[in-house]
């Protein structure tokens, strides 16, 4: 893979991680930590707040795993059906990143995967927004 292709794949991964994975995690985190029904109490939030810390950790993990699995299945769908994934580079070249990866569904994972490098939720969905292990270390 040449430098332009690598940059295009990285751009695609960063955008997808931030705009799909992180947004889904942020929605679920907000749903249980501050509610999402305007001025009315949110039953989901009220139920979550009534849980003990151990149960909250389980719920957080299940929410994260659901987003994670959906993300992986979406990438698998794109790969299996060979859906074109054009990315415009800084040099204004259009590169289809579809065939550049050895396995698109595994690109997000591992120590150097997209989630580890680009996600605000690399440590999972937390009970209190802004208190992930990574953010505390930063």
Protein backbone atom coordinates (compact mmCIF):
# COMPACT_ATOMS: atom_id res chain seq x y z
CA UNK A 1 0.00 0.00 0.00
CA UNK A 2 1.48 3.35 -0.98
CA UNK A 3 1.51 6.47 1.20
CA UNK A 4 -1.60 8.02 -0.41
CA UNK A 5 -3.55 4.79 0.02
CA UNK A 6 -2.46 4.47 3.66
CA UNK A 7 -3.48 8.08 4.32
CA UNK A 8 -6.86 7.50 2.66
CA UNK A 9 -7.52 4.39 4.77
CA UNK A 10 -6.51 6.29 7.92
CA UNK A 11 -8.79 9.20 6.99
CA UNK A 12 -11.69 6.81 6.41
CA UNK A 13 -11.06 5.07 9.73
CA UNK A 14 -10.79 8.32 11.67
CA UNK A 15 -13.97 9.74 10.15
CA UNK A 16 -15.95 6.54 10.64
CA UNK A 17 -14.74 6.10 14.21
CA UNK A 18 -15.51 9.69 15.21
CA UNK A 19 -18.76 10.11 13.29
CA UNK A 20 -20.34 6.67 13.76
CA UNK A 21 -18.73 4.79 16.66
CA UNK A 22 -18.21 7.79 18.95
CA UNK A 23 -21.60 9.35 18.18
CA UNK A 24 -23.40 6.09 19.00
CA UNK A 25 -21.46 5.75 22.27
CA UNK A 26 -22.10 9.41 23.15
CA UNK A 27 -25.83 9.02 22.50
CA UNK A 28 -26.10 6.02 24.80
CA UNK A 29 -23.96 7.65 27.47
CA UNK A 30 -26.14 10.78 27.36
CA UNK A 31 -29.30 8.69 27.39
CA UNK A 32 -28.45 7.15 30.75
CA UNK A 33 -26.55 10.01 32.40
CA UNK A 34 -28.71 13.03 31.65
CA UNK A 35 -31.83 11.80 29.88
CA UNK A 36 -33.00 12.66 26.38
CA UNK A 37 -36.69 13.56 26.58
CA UNK A 38 -36.55 17.32 27.01
CA UNK A 39 -38.20 18.65 30.16
CA UNK A 40 -39.76 15.35 31.22
CA UNK A 41 -37.93 12.77 33.28
CA UNK A 42 -36.57 10.00 31.11
CA UNK A 43 -37.63 6.55 32.37
CA UNK A 44 -34.43 5.02 30.99
CA UNK A 45 -32.29 7.48 32.91
CA UNK A 46 -34.33 7.01 36.08
CA UNK A 47 -33.97 3.24 35.86
CA UNK A 48 -30.23 3.55 35.23
CA UNK A 49 -29.75 5.92 38.17
CA UNK A 50 -31.49 3.45 40.46
CA UNK A 51 -28.87 0.77 39.73
CA UNK A 52 -25.92 0.09 42.00
CA UNK A 53 -22.42 0.75 40.61
CA UNK A 54 -21.85 -2.88 39.68
CA UNK A 55 -25.06 -3.03 37.64
CA UNK A 56 -24.20 0.31 36.00
CA UNK A 57 -20.84 -1.12 34.91
CA UNK A 58 -22.63 -4.11 33.36
CA UNK A 59 -25.08 -1.84 31.53
CA UNK A 60 -22.22 0.39 30.33
CA UNK A 61 -20.36 -2.66 29.06
CA UNK A 62 -23.44 -3.99 27.26
CA UNK A 63 -24.04 -0.61 25.61
CA UNK A 64 -20.41 -0.43 24.50
CA UNK A 65 -20.43 -4.03 23.25
CA UNK A 66 -23.62 -3.37 21.25
CA UNK A 67 -22.04 -0.35 19.54
CA UNK A 68 -18.79 -2.23 19.02
CA UNK A 69 -20.49 -5.26 17.49
CA UNK A 70 -22.70 -3.11 15.24
CA UNK A 71 -19.62 -1.21 14.07
CA UNK A 72 -17.80 -4.47 13.24
CA UNK A 73 -20.85 -5.89 11.44
CA UNK A 74 -21.24 -2.67 9.43
CA UNK A 75 -17.60 -2.87 8.32
CA UNK A 76 -18.06 -6.55 7.48
CA UNK A 77 -21.14 -5.67 5.40
CA UNK A 78 -19.15 -3.05 3.47
CA UNK A 79 -16.35 -5.53 2.82
CA UNK A 80 -18.46 -8.58 1.93
CA UNK A 81 -20.62 -6.63 -0.50
CA UNK A 82 -17.61 -4.77 -1.90
CA UNK A 83 -19.28 -1.40 -1.50
CA UNK A 84 -17.07 1.35 -2.93
CA UNK A 85 -15.60 3.61 -0.26
CA UNK A 86 -14.13 6.65 -2.03
CA UNK A 87 -11.95 9.00 0.02
CA UNK A 88 -10.59 12.28 -1.34
CA UNK A 89 -6.97 12.86 -0.30
CA UNK A 90 -5.23 16.15 0.46
CA UNK A 91 -3.86 16.06 -3.07
CA UNK A 92 -7.49 15.98 -4.28
CA UNK A 93 -7.15 12.40 -5.50
CA UNK A 94 -10.05 10.02 -5.03
CA UNK A 95 -9.00 6.62 -3.65
CA UNK A 96 -11.38 3.72 -3.08
CA UNK A 97 -10.28 2.30 0.27
CA UNK A 98 -12.51 -0.78 -0.10
CA UNK A 99 -9.77 -3.18 -1.15
CA UNK A 100 -6.85 -1.62 0.70
CA UNK A 101 -7.28 -3.46 3.99
CA UNK A 102 -6.51 -7.11 4.70
CA UNK A 103 -9.75 -7.11 6.69
CA UNK A 104 -11.82 -3.97 7.05
CA UNK A 105 -13.83 -5.32 10.04
CA UNK A 106 -10.65 -5.71 12.13
CA UNK A 107 -9.10 -2.30 11.35
CA UNK A 108 -10.70 -0.68 14.43
CA UNK A 109 -9.22 -3.18 16.88
CA UNK A 110 -5.92 -3.72 18.65
CA UNK A 111 -3.42 -1.32 20.16
CA UNK A 112 -2.94 0.50 16.86
CA UNK A 113 -6.51 0.15 15.60
CA UNK A 114 -8.87 3.00 14.81
CA UNK A 115 -10.66 2.87 18.16
CA UNK A 116 -7.41 3.00 20.16
CA UNK A 117 -6.12 5.92 18.10
CA UNK A 118 -9.22 7.95 17.27
CA UNK A 119 -12.09 7.21 19.65
CA UNK A 120 -13.09 9.23 22.71
CA UNK A 121 -14.58 5.95 23.98
CA UNK A 122 -11.51 3.74 23.67
CA UNK A 123 -12.02 2.76 27.32
CA UNK A 124 -15.74 2.12 26.93
CA UNK A 125 -18.86 4.00 27.96
CA UNK A 126 -18.43 5.50 31.41
CA UNK A 127 -21.06 6.23 34.05
CA UNK A 128 -19.92 9.84 34.29
CA UNK A 129 -19.09 11.48 30.95
CA UNK A 130 -15.52 12.69 30.65
CA UNK A 131 -14.05 10.26 33.18
CA UNK A 132 -12.57 7.50 31.07
CA UNK A 133 -9.18 6.15 32.09
CA UNK A 134 -7.61 7.71 28.97
CA UNK A 135 -9.03 11.17 29.71
CA UNK A 136 -7.79 11.01 33.32
CA UNK A 137 -4.31 10.15 32.06
CA UNK A 138 -4.29 12.99 29.50
